[in-house]
Amino acid sequence: MGWTHLAREAAAMDVSFLARFVPAMLSGTVDDSLFTASAPDPDEAELVRHGVLAPGRKKEIFVGTLEEVVFPGFERCGIDAAPARAWLARRTEVGSADASASRPRTL
């Protein structure tokens, strides 16, 4: 959905109803594996050299873009970003739980 198109529609009508659909749209844009911890790839440096981002960097960019661009953009158009923020929080909590479960425990 282009921002200009959304802004035009928001000026003409109430688009707040879209808030409930955003989490499903986000789910369709990314695989859940983005939010799970993964073992370091021994070829990571070589892959980066060829433009392939490490999983952690992909997640960082995705989350940052949602928080700094997408959610504020929705809010400027009158769409409540709370459902989308909740979707992201659930995904990042799962990733954090996976990461902490895979770390060795210290006593």
Protein backbone atom coordinates (compact mmCIF):
# COMPACT_ATOMS: atom_id res chain seq x y z
CA MET A 1 0.00 0.00 0.00
CA GLY A 2 1.59 3.25 -1.04
CA TRP A 3 1.72 6.06 1.50
CA THR A 4 0.34 8.59 -0.99
CA HIS A 5 -2.61 6.37 -1.84
CA LEU A 6 -3.28 5.70 1.84
CA ALA A 7 -3.06 9.41 2.71
CA ARG A 8 -5.50 10.26 -0.10
CA GLU A 9 -7.97 7.66 1.12
CA ALA A 10 -7.53 8.79 4.73
CA ALA A 11 -8.37 12.35 3.68
CA ALA A 12 -11.53 11.14 1.93
CA MET A 13 -12.80 8.59 4.45
CA ASP A 14 -12.20 6.94 7.82
CA VAL A 15 -9.54 4.26 7.30
CA SER A 16 -9.20 3.33 10.97
CA PHE A 17 -10.93 0.00 10.25
CA LEU A 18 -7.70 -1.15 8.58
CA ALA A 19 -5.94 -1.49 11.96
CA ARG A 20 -7.37 -4.95 12.56
CA PHE A 21 -6.03 -6.20 9.21
CA VAL A 22 -2.46 -4.98 9.57
CA PRO A 23 -1.18 -7.91 11.70
CA ALA A 24 -2.31 -10.41 9.05
CA MET A 25 -0.69 -8.31 6.34
CA LEU A 26 2.55 -8.23 8.33
CA SER A 27 2.42 -11.99 8.86
CA GLY A 28 2.23 -12.41 5.10
CA THR A 29 5.39 -10.36 4.55
CA VAL A 30 7.84 -12.28 6.69
CA ASP A 31 8.61 -15.84 7.68
CA ASP A 32 8.45 -16.59 11.42
CA SER A 33 12.02 -17.88 11.21
CA LEU A 34 13.14 -14.24 11.16
CA PHE A 35 12.24 -14.09 14.84
CA THR A 36 13.88 -17.32 15.97
CA ALA A 37 17.46 -17.63 17.10
CA SER A 38 19.74 -19.34 14.65
CA ALA A 39 23.23 -20.70 14.92
CA PRO A 40 25.92 -18.53 13.35
CA ASP A 41 26.60 -19.47 9.75
CA PRO A 42 30.29 -20.24 9.23
CA ASP A 43 30.00 -18.64 5.77
CA GLU A 44 28.36 -15.46 7.10
CA ALA A 45 31.28 -13.14 6.26
CA GLU A 46 31.41 -14.48 2.71
CA LEU A 47 27.64 -14.18 2.32
CA VAL A 48 27.68 -10.57 3.55
CA ARG A 49 30.33 -9.81 0.95
CA HIS A 50 27.79 -10.90 -1.66
CA GLY A 51 24.94 -8.86 -0.20
CA VAL A 52 23.27 -11.56 1.90
CA LEU A 53 22.39 -10.15 5.30
CA ALA A 54 22.87 -12.15 8.47
CA PRO A 55 19.56 -13.19 10.11
CA GLY A 56 20.12 -10.87 13.06
CA ARG A 57 20.69 -7.91 10.75
CA LYS A 58 17.57 -8.77 8.71
CA LYS A 59 15.52 -8.79 11.91
CA GLU A 60 17.09 -5.51 13.05
CA ILE A 61 16.22 -3.80 9.75
CA PHE A 62 12.70 -5.24 9.66
CA VAL A 63 11.88 -4.24 13.24
CA GLY A 64 13.49 -0.82 12.87
CA THR A 65 11.55 -0.09 9.69
CA LEU A 66 8.27 -1.06 11.33
CA GLU A 67 8.96 1.05 14.41
CA GLU A 68 10.42 4.10 12.66
CA VAL A 69 8.53 4.20 9.35
CA VAL A 70 5.52 1.90 9.05
CA PHE A 71 3.80 2.33 12.43
CA PRO A 72 4.18 6.13 12.50
CA GLY A 73 2.96 6.25 8.89
CA PHE A 74 -0.18 4.33 9.77
CA GLU A 75 -0.78 6.57 12.78
CA ARG A 76 -0.42 9.73 10.65
CA CYS A 77 -3.19 8.34 8.45
CA GLY A 78 -5.47 7.62 11.41
CA ILE A 79 -4.81 3.89 11.66
CA ASP A 80 -4.16 2.62 15.17
CA ALA A 81 -0.80 0.84 15.16
CA ALA A 82 -1.46 -0.92 18.49
CA PRO A 83 -2.56 -4.23 16.89
CA ALA A 84 0.53 -4.20 14.67
CA ARG A 85 2.79 -3.28 17.60
CA ALA A 86 1.27 -6.17 19.59
CA TRP A 87 1.94 -8.53 16.67
CA LEU A 88 5.58 -7.39 16.60
CA ALA A 89 5.93 -7.69 20.38
CA ARG A 90 4.67 -11.28 20.27
CA ARG A 91 7.15 -12.14 17.51
CA THR A 92 10.11 -10.50 19.22
CA GLU A 93 9.24 -12.13 22.57
CA VAL A 94 9.30 -15.54 20.87
CA GLY A 95 12.69 -14.74 19.36
CA SER A 96 14.02 -13.57 22.73
CA ALA A 97 12.73 -16.72 24.42
CA ASP A 98 14.35 -18.88 21.73
CA ALA A 99 17.64 -17.02 22.10
CA SER A 100 17.70 -17.31 25.88
CA ALA A 101 16.76 -20.98 25.73
CA SER A 102 19.67 -21.71 23.42
CA ARG A 103 22.23 -19.94 25.64
CA PRO A 104 24.14 -22.05 28.14
CA ARG A 105 22.96 -21.54 31.68
CA THR A 106 25.43 -20.26 34.22
CA LEU A 107 25.20 -21.18 37.85
